[in-house]
Amino acid sequence: MDVAGPVFLLLAVLYFVPTIIAFARGVRNAGSVLVVNLFLGWTLVGWVVALAMAARSTDRGSPYPR
């Protein structure tokens, strides 16, 4: 039984957790989260920064669009 495919898929999903969270929450800077996650996510610091960016406030209470 070949487990390389599912393991790779699981690792890819875990790698992009900050990006998935950012797009699911509708964060304004989701594109920036994607770029930081893609290029710096391999470092632990880059991944944590991307996760922090994804967890930021979405400003849904503001009546004025940005």
N, C-alpha and C. Protein backbone atom coordinates (compact mmCIF):
# COMPACT_ATOMS: atom_id res chain seq x y z
N MET A 1 0.85 -1.19 0.00
CA MET A 1 0.00 0.00 0.00
C MET A 1 0.89 1.24 0.00
N ASP A 2 0.63 2.14 -0.94
CA ASP A 2 1.42 3.36 -1.07
C ASP A 2 0.80 4.47 -0.22
N VAL A 3 1.55 4.96 0.74
CA VAL A 3 1.04 6.01 1.63
C VAL A 3 1.65 7.37 1.32
N ALA A 4 2.54 7.43 0.32
CA ALA A 4 3.22 8.69 0.02
C ALA A 4 2.24 9.77 -0.45
N GLY A 5 1.25 9.41 -1.23
CA GLY A 5 0.28 10.39 -1.74
C GLY A 5 -0.53 11.04 -0.64
N PRO A 6 -1.20 10.24 0.20
CA PRO A 6 -1.98 10.84 1.28
C PRO A 6 -1.14 11.62 2.29
N VAL A 7 0.07 11.15 2.55
CA VAL A 7 0.95 11.87 3.49
C VAL A 7 1.34 13.22 2.90
N PHE A 8 1.67 13.25 1.61
CA PHE A 8 2.02 14.51 0.96
C PHE A 8 0.84 15.47 0.98
N LEU A 9 -0.36 14.96 0.70
CA LEU A 9 -1.56 15.80 0.72
C LEU A 9 -1.81 16.37 2.11
N LEU A 10 -1.65 15.55 3.14
CA LEU A 10 -1.83 16.01 4.51
C LEU A 10 -0.82 17.10 4.87
N LEU A 11 0.43 16.90 4.49
CA LEU A 11 1.46 17.91 4.77
C LEU A 11 1.19 19.21 4.01
N ALA A 12 0.71 19.11 2.79
CA ALA A 12 0.39 20.31 2.01
C ALA A 12 -0.75 21.09 2.65
N VAL A 13 -1.76 20.37 3.13
CA VAL A 13 -2.89 21.04 3.79
C VAL A 13 -2.42 21.71 5.08
N LEU A 14 -1.60 21.02 5.86
CA LEU A 14 -1.08 21.61 7.09
C LEU A 14 -0.22 22.83 6.81
N TYR A 15 0.55 22.78 5.73
CA TYR A 15 1.41 23.91 5.36
C TYR A 15 0.57 25.15 5.05
N PHE A 16 -0.56 24.94 4.38
CA PHE A 16 -1.39 26.07 3.95
C PHE A 16 -2.55 26.37 4.90
N VAL A 17 -2.50 25.91 6.14
CA VAL A 17 -3.55 26.22 7.12
C VAL A 17 -3.76 27.73 7.28
N PRO A 18 -2.70 28.55 7.40
CA PRO A 18 -2.95 30.00 7.51
C PRO A 18 -3.70 30.58 6.31
N THR A 19 -3.37 30.14 5.11
CA THR A 19 -4.05 30.63 3.91
C THR A 19 -5.49 30.17 3.89
N ILE A 20 -5.75 28.93 4.24
CA ILE A 20 -7.11 28.41 4.28
C ILE A 20 -7.95 29.19 5.29
N ILE A 21 -7.38 29.46 6.45
CA ILE A 21 -8.08 30.23 7.48
C ILE A 21 -8.38 31.65 7.00
N ALA A 22 -7.40 32.28 6.36
CA ALA A 22 -7.57 33.66 5.89
C ALA A 22 -8.70 33.77 4.87
N PHE A 23 -8.73 32.86 3.89
CA PHE A 23 -9.78 32.92 2.89
C PHE A 23 -11.14 32.51 3.46
N ALA A 24 -11.16 31.57 4.39
CA ALA A 24 -12.43 31.15 5.00
C ALA A 24 -13.02 32.26 5.86
N ARG A 25 -12.17 33.02 6.54
CA ARG A 25 -12.66 34.11 7.40
C ARG A 25 -12.93 35.39 6.62
N GLY A 26 -12.48 35.48 5.38
CA GLY A 26 -12.68 36.68 4.58
C GLY A 26 -11.79 37.83 5.03
N VAL A 27 -10.58 37.51 5.46
CA VAL A 27 -9.65 38.54 5.91
C VAL A 27 -9.27 39.43 4.73
N ARG A 28 -9.19 40.72 4.99
CA ARG A 28 -8.93 41.70 3.94
C ARG A 28 -7.59 41.46 3.24
N ASN A 29 -6.58 41.01 3.97
CA ASN A 29 -5.26 40.82 3.39
C ASN A 29 -4.97 39.34 3.12
N ALA A 30 -5.96 38.61 2.65
CA ALA A 30 -5.80 37.17 2.41
C ALA A 30 -4.75 36.89 1.35
N GLY A 31 -4.63 37.75 0.37
CA GLY A 31 -3.59 37.58 -0.65
C GLY A 31 -2.21 37.71 -0.07
N SER A 32 -2.04 38.62 0.85
CA SER A 32 -0.74 38.77 1.52
C SER A 32 -0.42 37.55 2.38
N VAL A 33 -1.44 37.00 3.01
CA VAL A 33 -1.23 35.78 3.80
C VAL A 33 -0.77 34.66 2.89
N LEU A 34 -1.37 34.55 1.72
CA LEU A 34 -0.97 33.52 0.76
C LEU A 34 0.48 33.68 0.34
N VAL A 35 0.89 34.90 0.04
CA VAL A 35 2.27 35.15 -0.40
C VAL A 35 3.26 34.84 0.73
N VAL A 36 2.99 35.31 1.93
CA VAL A 36 3.89 35.03 3.06
C VAL A 36 3.94 33.53 3.33
N ASN A 37 2.79 32.89 3.30
CA ASN A 37 2.74 31.45 3.56
C ASN A 37 3.47 30.66 2.47
N LEU A 38 3.30 31.07 1.23
CA LEU A 38 3.94 30.36 0.12
C LEU A 38 5.45 30.47 0.14
N PHE A 39 5.96 31.69 0.36
CA PHE A 39 7.40 31.92 0.25
C PHE A 39 8.17 31.79 1.57
N LEU A 40 7.51 32.05 2.70
CA LEU A 40 8.21 32.01 3.98
C LEU A 40 7.64 30.97 4.94
N GLY A 41 6.61 30.27 4.53
CA GLY A 41 5.97 29.30 5.41
C GLY A 41 6.86 28.14 5.79
N TRP A 42 7.89 27.86 4.99
CA TRP A 42 8.78 26.75 5.31
C TRP A 42 9.61 27.02 6.55
N THR A 43 9.75 28.30 6.90
CA THR A 43 10.38 28.63 8.18
C THR A 43 9.27 28.69 9.22
N LEU A 44 9.56 28.32 10.40
CA LEU A 44 8.53 28.35 11.45
C LEU A 44 8.05 29.78 11.69
N VAL A 45 8.96 30.73 11.63
CA VAL A 45 8.59 32.13 11.86
C VAL A 45 7.63 32.61 10.77
N GLY A 46 7.92 32.29 9.52
CA GLY A 46 7.05 32.70 8.42
C GLY A 46 5.66 32.10 8.53
N TRP A 47 5.60 30.84 8.95
CA TRP A 47 4.30 30.18 9.10
C TRP A 47 3.49 30.82 10.22
N VAL A 48 4.17 31.14 11.34
CA VAL A 48 3.48 31.78 12.47
C VAL A 48 3.01 33.18 12.10
N VAL A 49 3.83 33.93 11.36
CA VAL A 49 3.43 35.26 10.91
C VAL A 49 2.21 35.17 10.01
N ALA A 50 2.20 34.22 9.08
CA ALA A 50 1.05 34.05 8.20
C ALA A 50 -0.19 33.67 9.00
N LEU A 51 -0.03 32.83 10.00
CA LEU A 51 -1.16 32.46 10.85
C LEU A 51 -1.67 33.65 11.65
N ALA A 52 -0.77 34.47 12.15
CA ALA A 52 -1.19 35.68 12.88
C ALA A 52 -1.92 36.65 11.96
N MET A 53 -1.44 36.79 10.73
CA MET A 53 -2.13 37.65 9.77
C MET A 53 -3.53 37.12 9.46
N ALA A 54 -3.66 35.80 9.38
CA ALA A 54 -4.96 35.19 9.08
C ALA A 54 -5.93 35.34 10.24
N ALA A 55 -5.40 35.43 11.45
CA ALA A 55 -6.25 35.51 12.64
C ALA A 55 -6.62 36.94 13.01
N ARG A 56 -6.14 37.90 12.25
CA ARG A 56 -6.45 39.30 12.55
C ARG A 56 -7.94 39.57 12.46
N SER A 57 -8.33 40.69 13.03
CA SER A 57 -9.73 41.12 12.98
C SER A 57 -10.14 41.38 11.54
N THR A 58 -11.40 41.06 11.24
CA THR A 58 -11.90 41.25 9.88
C THR A 58 -12.63 42.57 9.70
N ASP A 59 -12.82 43.35 10.75
CA ASP A 59 -13.50 44.65 10.69
C ASP A 59 -14.90 44.55 10.08
N ARG A 60 -15.65 43.55 10.47
CA ARG A 60 -16.99 43.38 9.90
C ARG A 60 -17.99 44.38 10.48
N GLY A 61 -17.65 44.99 11.60
CA GLY A 61 -18.58 45.93 12.22
C GLY A 61 -18.55 47.31 11.60
N SER A 62 -17.62 47.60 10.74
CA SER A 62 -17.51 48.92 10.14
C SER A 62 -18.54 49.08 9.03
N PRO A 63 -19.29 50.17 9.02
CA PRO A 63 -20.28 50.37 7.97
C PRO A 63 -19.66 50.88 6.67
N TYR A 64 -18.39 51.24 6.70
CA TYR A 64 -17.74 51.79 5.52
C TYR A 64 -16.81 50.75 4.90
N PRO A 65 -16.97 50.44 3.60
CA PRO A 65 -16.06 49.49 2.97
C PRO A 65 -14.68 50.09 2.80
N ARG A 66 -13.67 49.24 2.84
CA ARG A 66 -12.30 49.74 2.66
C ARG A 66 -11.82 49.46 1.28
